[in-house]
Amino acid sequence: MKPKVTMIAWNQNDNYVVTAVNNHLLKVWNSCTGQLLHELVGHADEVFVLETHPFDSRIMLSAGHDGNIFIWDITKGMKTKHYFNMIEGQGHGAVFDCKFSPDGQHFACTDSHGHLLIFGFGCSRPYERIPDQMFFHTDYRPLIRDSNNYVLDEQTQQAPHLMPPPFLVDVDGNPHPTKYQRLVPGRENCADEHLIPQLGYVATSDGEVVEQVIGQQTVDQDEQGLEPSILDGMIRQLQLQQDQRIGADQEAASSGPQNGEGTPRRG
């Protein structure tokens, strides 16, 4: 196998450089001399996550597609903690990303099965207040590009950043109670009636009738005379306001001095 570096990271004080190689080794180098100091053995697949501790220059975290998460002391070349992300009935879950908290007391990881793993000191009681399954109802809505190569939501034909805050649902698309909907940025101070998503029954192309959040209705469904989506109406209104604002700015720019003659002055 031809050696290939898959990830690289400096430690907190930049004295060391850690590289992940596709032969599953981690190598610790002196950043000033380039001398190889340690080879860290433990991973069984490629590593794409290297995270340095925010203030302890000795500590480095690594995680990879083998489901292993290691905490290393890179000055001694030793592993101090190890976690294997085994999922019951599904094998291990590849770890895609990890980040330390600013105070260095916790770190969070995401895996290939959509799980958020939180490690740290203290108890897990604050995290037990939220449901196990949390998704946005827009998570799997397809995106397209228009003639200007701008990204649009395929179902509403609107720019994703102009869409209202999404609703929290479980893995089957069922919305969570209002107390959880306030966890979504932009919905913290909403009235209760605005935190209850409107559900409707929609026929799929296969003839199957499914229940979904009204905001997920497609343009085709609107053309078929189904009840219009309140969310999509809000989105279209925002888009119209933005288009009018852009048009006014362009008109003001075109009426200004041409070819550099004169300088526009403030009124």
C-alpha atoms as a PDB file:
ATOM      1  CA  MET A   1       0.000   0.000   0.000  1.00  0.00           C
ATOM      2  CA  LYS A   2       1.243   3.449  -0.867  1.00  0.00           C
ATOM      3  CA  PRO A   3       1.339   5.542   2.331  1.00  0.00           C
ATOM      4  CA  LYS A   4      -1.048   8.463   2.337  1.00  0.00           C
ATOM      5  CA  VAL A   5      -1.755  11.062   4.997  1.00  0.00           C
ATOM      6  CA  THR A   6      -5.478  11.312   5.727  1.00  0.00           C
ATOM      7  CA  MET A   7      -5.434  13.991   8.450  1.00  0.00           C
ATOM      8  CA  ILE A   8      -2.990  16.327  10.176  1.00  0.00           C
ATOM      9  CA  ALA A   9      -3.207  18.440  13.360  1.00  0.00           C
ATOM     10  CA  TRP A  10      -0.963  20.590  15.534  1.00  0.00           C
ATOM     11  CA  ASN A  11      -1.184  20.326  19.294  1.00  0.00           C
ATOM     12  CA  GLN A  12      -2.253  23.258  21.465  1.00  0.00           C
ATOM     13  CA  ASN A  13       1.173  24.960  21.664  1.00  0.00           C
ATOM     14  CA  ASP A  14       2.311  23.929  18.139  1.00  0.00           C
ATOM     15  CA  ASN A  15       5.314  21.972  19.453  1.00  0.00           C
ATOM     16  CA  TYR A  16       4.051  18.723  17.956  1.00  0.00           C
ATOM     17  CA  VAL A  17       2.385  17.687  14.722  1.00  0.00           C
ATOM     18  CA  VAL A  18       0.248  14.538  14.541  1.00  0.00           C
ATOM     19  CA  THR A  19      -0.450  12.854  11.218  1.00  0.00           C
ATOM     20  CA  ALA A  20      -2.890  10.042  10.475  1.00  0.00           C
ATOM     21  CA  VAL A  21      -1.686   7.632   7.787  1.00  0.00           C
ATOM     22  CA  ASN A  22      -3.784   5.188   5.783  1.00  0.00           C
ATOM     23  CA  ASN A  23      -1.894   2.247   7.320  1.00  0.00           C
ATOM     24  CA  HIS A  24      -3.914   3.074  10.490  1.00  0.00           C
ATOM     25  CA  LEU A  25      -0.939   4.535  12.389  1.00  0.00           C
ATOM     26  CA  LEU A  26      -0.779   7.948  14.010  1.00  0.00           C
ATOM     27  CA  LYS A  27       2.631   9.590  13.961  1.00  0.00           C
ATOM     28  CA  VAL A  28       3.827  12.317  16.324  1.00  0.00           C
ATOM     29  CA  TRP A  29       6.489  14.684  14.974  1.00  0.00           C
ATOM     30  CA  ASN A  30       8.592  17.461  16.434  1.00  0.00           C
ATOM     31  CA  SER A  31       7.250  20.504  14.573  1.00  0.00           C
ATOM     32  CA  CYS A  32      10.617  22.328  14.665  1.00  0.00           C
ATOM     33  CA  THR A  33      13.039  19.549  13.653  1.00  0.00           C
ATOM     34  CA  GLY A  34      10.706  17.196  11.803  1.00  0.00           C
ATOM     35  CA  GLN A  35      11.874  14.287  13.966  1.00  0.00           C
ATOM     36  CA  LEU A  36       9.474  11.350  14.348  1.00  0.00           C
ATOM     37  CA  LEU A  37       8.829  10.949  18.095  1.00  0.00           C
ATOM     38  CA  HIS A  38       6.093   8.322  18.449  1.00  0.00           C
ATOM     39  CA  GLU A  39       3.923   5.936  16.451  1.00  0.00           C
ATOM     40  CA  LEU A  40       0.494   5.516  18.042  1.00  0.00           C
ATOM     41  CA  VAL A  41      -1.082   2.097  17.477  1.00  0.00           C
ATOM     42  CA  GLY A  42      -4.753   1.332  18.095  1.00  0.00           C
ATOM     43  CA  HIS A  43      -6.885   2.150  15.076  1.00  0.00           C
ATOM     44  CA  ALA A  44      -7.959  -0.590  12.680  1.00  0.00           C
ATOM     45  CA  ASP A  45      -9.221   1.632   9.838  1.00  0.00           C
ATOM     46  CA  GLU A  46      -8.508   5.038   8.350  1.00  0.00           C
ATOM     47  CA  VAL A  47      -8.627   8.051  10.667  1.00  0.00           C
ATOM     48  CA  PHE A  48     -10.199  11.306   9.527  1.00  0.00           C
ATOM     49  CA  VAL A  49     -10.628  13.011  12.914  1.00  0.00           C
ATOM     50  CA  LEU A  50      -7.775  14.602  14.885  1.00  0.00           C
ATOM     51  CA  GLU A  51      -8.685  17.161  17.540  1.00  0.00           C
ATOM     52  CA  THR A  52      -6.340  18.900  19.956  1.00  0.00           C
ATOM     53  CA  HIS A  53      -7.360  19.755  23.507  1.00  0.00           C
ATOM     54  CA  PRO A  54      -8.205  23.473  23.863  1.00  0.00           C
ATOM     55  CA  PHE A  55      -5.633  24.162  26.606  1.00  0.00           C
ATOM     56  CA  ASP A  56      -3.736  20.951  27.526  1.00  0.00           C
ATOM     57  CA  SER A  57      -0.909  20.650  25.000  1.00  0.00           C
ATOM     58  CA  ARG A  58      -0.364  16.967  25.884  1.00  0.00           C
ATOM     59  CA  ILE A  59      -3.809  15.766  24.819  1.00  0.00           C
ATOM     60  CA  MET A  60      -4.982  14.792  21.325  1.00  0.00           C
ATOM     61  CA  LEU A  61      -8.194  13.002  20.306  1.00  0.00           C
ATOM     62  CA  SER A  62      -8.454  10.686  17.317  1.00  0.00           C
ATOM     63  CA  ALA A  63     -11.447   8.876  15.811  1.00  0.00           C
ATOM     64  CA  GLY A  64     -11.986   6.875  12.664  1.00  0.00           C
ATOM     65  CA  HIS A  65     -14.121   4.651  10.511  1.00  0.00           C
ATOM     66  CA  ASP A  66     -13.324   1.687  12.755  1.00  0.00           C
ATOM     67  CA  GLY A  67     -15.597   3.138  15.459  1.00  0.00           C
ATOM     68  CA  ASN A  68     -12.693   3.776  17.850  1.00  0.00           C
ATOM     69  CA  ILE A  69     -12.230   7.029  19.768  1.00  0.00           C
ATOM     70  CA  PHE A  70      -8.887   7.495  21.533  1.00  0.00           C
ATOM     71  CA  ILE A  71      -7.558  10.137  23.917  1.00  0.00           C
ATOM     72  CA  TRP A  72      -3.753  10.232  23.590  1.00  0.00           C
ATOM     73  CA  ASP A  73      -0.926  11.701  25.619  1.00  0.00           C
ATOM     74  CA  ILE A  74       1.240  12.622  22.638  1.00  0.00           C
ATOM     75  CA  THR A  75       4.236  13.642  24.778  1.00  0.00           C
ATOM     76  CA  LYS A  76       4.528  10.072  26.107  1.00  0.00           C
ATOM     77  CA  GLY A  77       3.063   8.315  23.059  1.00  0.00           C
ATOM     78  CA  MET A  78       0.407   6.598  25.202  1.00  0.00           C
ATOM     79  CA  LYS A  79      -3.370   6.242  25.013  1.00  0.00           C
ATOM     80  CA  THR A  80      -5.187   7.388  28.141  1.00  0.00           C
ATOM     81  CA  LYS A  81      -8.827   6.631  27.260  1.00  0.00           C
ATOM     82  CA  HIS A  82     -10.575   4.511  24.644  1.00  0.00           C
ATOM     83  CA  TYR A  83     -14.196   4.115  23.529  1.00  0.00           C
ATOM     84  CA  PHE A  84     -15.542   1.725  20.874  1.00  0.00           C
ATOM     85  CA  ASN A  85     -18.767   2.835  19.210  1.00  0.00           C
ATOM     86  CA  MET A  86     -20.641  -0.477  19.115  1.00  0.00           C
ATOM     87  CA  ILE A  87     -24.322  -0.251  18.124  1.00  0.00           C
ATOM     88  CA  GLU A  88     -26.464  -3.163  19.221  1.00  0.00           C
ATOM     89  CA  GLY A  89     -27.613  -5.253  16.290  1.00  0.00           C
ATOM     90  CA  GLN A  90     -25.848  -3.051  13.704  1.00  0.00           C
ATOM     91  CA  GLY A  91     -22.135  -3.492  14.336  1.00  0.00           C
ATOM     92  CA  HIS A  92     -19.899  -0.514  14.981  1.00  0.00           C
ATOM     93  CA  GLY A  93     -20.603   2.997  13.813  1.00  0.00           C
ATOM     94  CA  ALA A  94     -17.891   4.915  11.972  1.00  0.00           C
ATOM     95  CA  VAL A  95     -17.058   8.192  13.721  1.00  0.00           C
ATOM     96  CA  PHE A  96     -17.184  11.123  11.314  1.00  0.00           C
ATOM     97  CA  ASP A  97     -16.395  14.141  13.500  1.00  0.00           C
ATOM     98  CA  CYS A  98     -15.455  15.141  17.062  1.00  0.00           C
ATOM     99  CA  LYS A  99     -15.091  18.482  18.842  1.00  0.00           C
ATOM    100  CA  PHE A 100     -13.970  19.510  22.329  1.00  0.00           C
ATOM    101  CA  SER A 101     -15.990  21.967  24.386  1.00  0.00           C
ATOM    102  CA  PRO A 102     -14.228  25.325  25.007  1.00  0.00           C
ATOM    103  CA  ASP A 103     -13.508  24.386  28.632  1.00  0.00           C
ATOM    104  CA  GLY A 104     -12.023  21.021  27.623  1.00  0.00           C
ATOM    105  CA  GLN A 105     -14.307  19.106  29.995  1.00  0.00           C
ATOM    106  CA  HIS A 106     -16.467  17.501  27.303  1.00  0.00           C
ATOM    107  CA  PHE A 107     -16.276  16.375  23.706  1.00  0.00           C
ATOM    108  CA  ALA A 108     -19.004  15.413  21.254  1.00  0.00           C
ATOM    109  CA  CYS A 109     -18.876  13.033  18.284  1.00  0.00           C
ATOM    110  CA  THR A 110     -21.176  12.159  15.410  1.00  0.00           C
ATOM    111  CA  ASP A 111     -21.287   8.758  13.741  1.00  0.00           C
ATOM    112  CA  SER A 112     -22.481   7.134  10.524  1.00  0.00           C
ATOM    113  CA  HIS A 113     -25.793   6.114  12.115  1.00  0.00           C
ATOM    114  CA  GLY A 114     -26.827   9.683  12.912  1.00  0.00           C
ATOM    115  CA  HIS A 115     -25.992   9.485  16.621  1.00  0.00           C
ATOM    116  CA  LEU A 116     -24.569  12.320  18.715  1.00  0.00           C
ATOM    117  CA  LEU A 117     -22.209  10.957  21.366  1.00  0.00           C
ATOM    118  CA  ILE A 118     -21.372  13.244  24.302  1.00  0.00           C
ATOM    119  CA  PHE A 119     -18.477  12.410  26.652  1.00  0.00           C
ATOM    120  CA  GLY A 120     -17.306  14.264  29.727  1.00  0.00           C
ATOM    121  CA  PHE A 121     -17.456  14.768  33.465  1.00  0.00           C
ATOM    122  CA  GLY A 122     -20.596  14.926  35.585  1.00  0.00           C
ATOM    123  CA  CYS A 123     -23.960  13.262  35.042  1.00  0.00           C
ATOM    124  CA  SER A 124     -26.098  12.847  31.935  1.00  0.00           C
ATOM    125  CA  ARG A 125     -29.289  14.124  33.585  1.00  0.00           C
ATOM    126  CA  PRO A 126     -29.527  17.364  31.537  1.00  0.00           C
ATOM    127  CA  TYR A 127     -29.434  15.336  28.313  1.00  0.00           C
ATOM    128  CA  GLU A 128     -32.167  12.967  29.485  1.00  0.00           C
ATOM    129  CA  ARG A 129     -34.731  15.761  29.201  1.00  0.00           C
ATOM    130  CA  ILE A 130     -34.701  15.606  25.423  1.00  0.00           C
ATOM    131  CA  PRO A 131     -36.006  12.770  23.214  1.00  0.00           C
ATOM    132  CA  ASP A 132     -33.651  10.127  21.851  1.00  0.00           C
ATOM    133  CA  GLN A 133     -34.644  10.818  18.248  1.00  0.00           C
ATOM    134  CA  MET A 134     -34.464  14.375  16.982  1.00  0.00           C
ATOM    135  CA  PHE A 135     -34.500  15.359  13.317  1.00  0.00           C
ATOM    136  CA  PHE A 136     -35.557  18.481  11.449  1.00  0.00           C
ATOM    137  CA  HIS A 137     -38.561  17.832   9.238  1.00  0.00           C
ATOM    138  CA  THR A 138     -36.548  19.344   6.360  1.00  0.00           C
ATOM    139  CA  ASP A 139     -33.479  17.116   6.838  1.00  0.00           C
ATOM    140  CA  TYR A 140     -34.073  14.929   3.788  1.00  0.00           C
ATOM    141  CA  ARG A 141     -35.736  17.404   1.461  1.00  0.00           C
ATOM    142  CA  PRO A 142     -33.883  17.361  -1.885  1.00  0.00           C
ATOM    143  CA  LEU A 143     -32.057  20.435  -3.174  1.00  0.00           C
ATOM    144  CA  ILE A 144     -31.718  21.587  -6.791  1.00  0.00           C
ATOM    145  CA  ARG A 145     -29.917  24.392  -8.637  1.00  0.00           C
ATOM    146  CA  ASP A 146     -31.682  27.019 -10.727  1.00  0.00           C
ATOM    147  CA  SER A 147     -30.524  28.610 -13.979  1.00  0.00           C
ATOM    148  CA  ASN A 148     -28.185  30.916 -12.021  1.00  0.00           C
ATOM    149  CA  ASN A 149     -26.696  27.903 -10.231  1.00  0.00           C
ATOM    150  CA  TYR A 150     -28.249  28.980  -6.927  1.00  0.00           C
ATOM    151  CA  VAL A 151     -29.380  26.262  -4.517  1.00  0.00           C
ATOM    152  CA  LEU A 152     -33.143  25.891  -4.021  1.00  0.00           C
ATOM    153  CA  ASP A 153     -35.379  23.636  -1.995  1.00  0.00           C
ATOM    154  CA  GLU A 154     -36.886  21.366  -4.651  1.00  0.00           C
ATOM    155  CA  GLN A 155     -40.350  21.169  -3.104  1.00  0.00           C
ATOM    156  CA  THR A 156     -40.935  24.878  -2.434  1.00  0.00           C
ATOM    157  CA  GLN A 157     -38.543  26.380  -5.038  1.00  0.00           C
ATOM    158  CA  GLN A 158     -37.188  28.677  -2.321  1.00  0.00           C
ATOM    159  CA  ALA A 159     -33.668  29.351  -1.061  1.00  0.00           C
ATOM    160  CA  PRO A 160     -33.049  27.192   2.050  1.00  0.00           C
ATOM    161  CA  HIS A 161     -31.833  30.140   4.134  1.00  0.00           C
ATOM    162  CA  LEU A 162     -35.163  31.945   3.587  1.00  0.00           C
ATOM    163  CA  MET A 163     -37.256  29.065   4.873  1.00  0.00           C
ATOM    164  CA  PRO A 164     -38.708  29.415   8.391  1.00  0.00           C
ATOM    165  CA  PRO A 165     -37.164  27.440  11.274  1.00  0.00           C
ATOM    166  CA  PRO A 166     -37.919  23.722  10.857  1.00  0.00           C
ATOM    167  CA  PHE A 167     -39.858  21.511  13.257  1.00  0.00           C
ATOM    168  CA  LEU A 168     -38.306  18.782  15.387  1.00  0.00           C
ATOM    169  CA  VAL A 169     -39.597  15.305  14.531  1.00  0.00           C
ATOM    170  CA  ASP A 170     -38.728  11.706  15.367  1.00  0.00           C
ATOM    171  CA  VAL A 171     -37.262   9.197  12.927  1.00  0.00           C
ATOM    172  CA  ASP A 172     -40.751   8.519  11.479  1.00  0.00           C
ATOM    173  CA  GLY A 173     -41.473  12.212  10.909  1.00  0.00           C
ATOM    174  CA  ASN A 174     -43.866  12.618  13.855  1.00  0.00           C
ATOM    175  CA  PRO A 175     -43.497  16.092  15.430  1.00  0.00           C
ATOM    176  CA  HIS A 176     -42.362  16.406  19.033  1.00  0.00           C
ATOM    177  CA  PRO A 177     -44.336  18.356  21.695  1.00  0.00           C
ATOM    178  CA  THR A 178     -44.117  22.140  21.845  1.00  0.00           C
ATOM    179  CA  LYS A 179     -41.589  22.159  24.716  1.00  0.00           C
ATOM    180  CA  TYR A 180     -39.058  20.549  22.371  1.00  0.00           C
ATOM    181  CA  GLN A 181     -39.913  22.820  19.429  1.00  0.00           C
ATOM    182  CA  ARG A 182     -38.616  25.783  21.454  1.00  0.00           C
ATOM    183  CA  LEU A 183     -35.144  24.233  21.326  1.00  0.00           C
ATOM    184  CA  VAL A 184     -34.954  25.204  17.632  1.00  0.00           C
ATOM    185  CA  PRO A 185     -33.172  28.563  17.113  1.00  0.00           C
ATOM    186  CA  GLY A 186     -35.783  31.099  16.055  1.00  0.00           C
ATOM    187  CA  ARG A 187     -38.644  29.395  17.908  1.00  0.00           C
ATOM    188  CA  GLU A 188     -37.598  30.159  21.509  1.00  0.00           C
ATOM    189  CA  ASN A 189     -40.311  32.777  22.120  1.00  0.00           C
ATOM    190  CA  CYS A 190     -43.043  31.529  19.797  1.00  0.00           C
ATOM    191  CA  ALA A 191     -46.607  31.158  21.040  1.00  0.00           C
ATOM    192  CA  ASP A 192     -47.841  27.603  21.543  1.00  0.00           C
ATOM    193  CA  GLU A 193     -50.116  27.721  18.495  1.00  0.00           C
ATOM    194  CA  HIS A 194     -47.098  28.485  16.297  1.00  0.00           C
ATOM    195  CA  LEU A 195     -45.186  25.495  17.651  1.00  0.00           C
ATOM    196  CA  ILE A 196     -47.704  22.903  16.493  1.00  0.00           C
ATOM    197  CA  PRO A 197     -46.886  21.822  12.930  1.00  0.00           C
ATOM    198  CA  GLN A 198     -49.860  21.359  10.649  1.00  0.00           C
ATOM    199  CA  LEU A 199     -50.106  17.789   9.430  1.00  0.00           C
ATOM    200  CA  GLY A 200     -51.862  16.592   6.326  1.00  0.00           C
ATOM    201  CA  TYR A 201     -52.433  13.375   4.420  1.00  0.00           C
ATOM    202  CA  VAL A 202     -50.774  13.249   1.009  1.00  0.00           C
ATOM    203  CA  ALA A 203     -50.931  10.578  -1.680  1.00  0.00           C
ATOM    204  CA  THR A 204     -47.563   9.462  -3.037  1.00  0.00           C
ATOM    205  CA  SER A 205     -46.862   8.431  -6.622  1.00  0.00           C
ATOM    206  CA  ASP A 206     -47.423   4.810  -5.580  1.00  0.00           C
ATOM    207  CA  GLY A 207     -50.925   5.577  -4.338  1.00  0.00           C
ATOM    208  CA  GLU A 208     -49.941   5.249  -0.696  1.00  0.00           C
ATOM    209  CA  VAL A 209     -51.404   7.851   1.672  1.00  0.00           C
ATOM    210  CA  VAL A 210     -48.882   9.212   4.163  1.00  0.00           C
ATOM    211  CA  GLU A 211     -49.051  11.861   6.882  1.00  0.00           C
ATOM    212  CA  GLN A 212     -46.542  14.692   6.680  1.00  0.00           C
ATOM    213  CA  VAL A 213     -45.888  18.240   7.841  1.00  0.00           C
ATOM    214  CA  ILE A 214     -47.781  20.583   5.511  1.00  0.00           C
ATOM    215  CA  GLY A 215     -44.607  22.561   4.915  1.00  0.00           C
ATOM    216  CA  GLN A 216     -43.316  19.564   2.977  1.00  0.00           C
ATOM    217  CA  GLN A 217     -45.954  19.771   0.255  1.00  0.00           C
ATOM    218  CA  THR A 218     -44.583  19.923  -3.250  1.00  0.00           C
ATOM    219  CA  VAL A 219     -45.427  22.227  -6.126  1.00  0.00           C
ATOM    220  CA  ASP A 220     -47.187  19.292  -7.808  1.00  0.00           C
ATOM    221  CA  GLN A 221     -49.465  18.911  -4.810  1.00  0.00           C
ATOM    222  CA  ASP A 222     -50.355  22.602  -4.959  1.00  0.00           C
ATOM    223  CA  GLU A 223     -51.263  22.227  -8.633  1.00  0.00           C
ATOM    224  CA  GLN A 224     -53.541  19.311  -7.730  1.00  0.00           C
ATOM    225  CA  GLY A 225     -55.655  21.665  -5.601  1.00  0.00           C
ATOM    226  CA  LEU A 226     -54.560  20.413  -2.197  1.00  0.00           C
ATOM    227  CA  GLU A 227     -54.685  22.753   0.773  1.00  0.00           C
ATOM    228  CA  PRO A 228     -51.863  25.302   0.402  1.00  0.00           C
ATOM    229  CA  SER A 229     -49.032  25.282   2.910  1.00  0.00           C
ATOM    230  CA  ILE A 230     -48.929  28.149   5.393  1.00  0.00           C
ATOM    231  CA  LEU A 231     -45.178  27.675   5.803  1.00  0.00           C
ATOM    232  CA  ASP A 232     -44.576  27.727   2.072  1.00  0.00           C
ATOM    233  CA  GLY A 233     -46.716  30.857   1.768  1.00  0.00           C
ATOM    234  CA  MET A 234     -44.507  32.588   4.312  1.00  0.00           C
ATOM    235  CA  ILE A 235     -41.433  31.487   2.395  1.00  0.00           C
ATOM    236  CA  ARG A 236     -42.763  32.815  -0.902  1.00  0.00           C
ATOM    237  CA  GLN A 237     -43.617  36.136   0.734  1.00  0.00           C
ATOM    238  CA  LEU A 238     -40.065  36.458   2.062  1.00  0.00           C
ATOM    239  CA  GLN A 239     -38.682  35.602  -1.373  1.00  0.00           C
ATOM    240  CA  LEU A 240     -40.894  38.238  -3.011  1.00  0.00           C
ATOM    241  CA  GLN A 241     -39.727  40.893  -0.538  1.00  0.00           C
ATOM    242  CA  GLN A 242     -36.100  40.014  -1.220  1.00  0.00           C
ATOM    243  CA  ASP A 243     -36.630  40.158  -4.998  1.00  0.00           C
ATOM    244  CA  GLN A 244     -38.265  43.588  -4.697  1.00  0.00           C
ATOM    245  CA  ARG A 245     -35.401  44.832  -2.521  1.00  0.00           C
ATOM    246  CA  ILE A 246     -32.770  43.574  -4.977  1.00  0.00           C
ATOM    247  CA  GLY A 247     -34.668  45.178  -7.877  1.00  0.00           C
ATOM    248  CA  ALA A 248     -34.785  48.518  -6.075  1.00  0.00           C
ATOM    249  CA  ASP A 249     -31.049  48.363  -5.330  1.00  0.00           C
ATOM    250  CA  GLN A 250     -30.249  47.582  -8.964  1.00  0.00           C
ATOM    251  CA  GLU A 251     -32.464  50.436 -10.180  1.00  0.00           C
ATOM    252  CA  ALA A 252     -30.769  52.866  -7.798  1.00  0.00           C
ATOM    253  CA  ALA A 253     -27.349  51.710  -8.985  1.00  0.00           C
ATOM    254  CA  SER A 254     -28.228  52.088 -12.669  1.00  0.00           C
ATOM    255  CA  SER A 255     -29.513  55.662 -12.158  1.00  0.00           C
ATOM    256  CA  GLY A 256     -26.228  56.767 -10.598  1.00  0.00           C
ATOM    257  CA  PRO A 257     -23.303  58.448 -12.417  1.00  0.00           C
ATOM    258  CA  GLN A 258     -21.884  56.518 -15.336  1.00  0.00           C
ATOM    259  CA  ASN A 259     -18.253  55.995 -16.417  1.00  0.00           C
ATOM    260  CA  GLY A 260     -16.902  57.536 -13.235  1.00  0.00           C
ATOM    261  CA  GLU A 261     -18.234  61.030 -14.006  1.00  0.00           C
ATOM    262  CA  GLY A 262     -19.115  62.839 -10.813  1.00  0.00           C
ATOM    263  CA  THR A 263     -19.306  61.525  -7.308  1.00  0.00           C
ATOM    264  CA  PRO A 264     -22.625  60.523  -5.726  1.00  0.00           C
ATOM    265  CA  ARG A 265     -23.385  62.537  -2.611  1.00  0.00           C
ATOM    266  CA  ARG A 266     -25.504  61.748   0.398  1.00  0.00           C
ATOM    267  CA  GLY A 267     -28.807  63.583   0.703  1.00  0.00           C
END
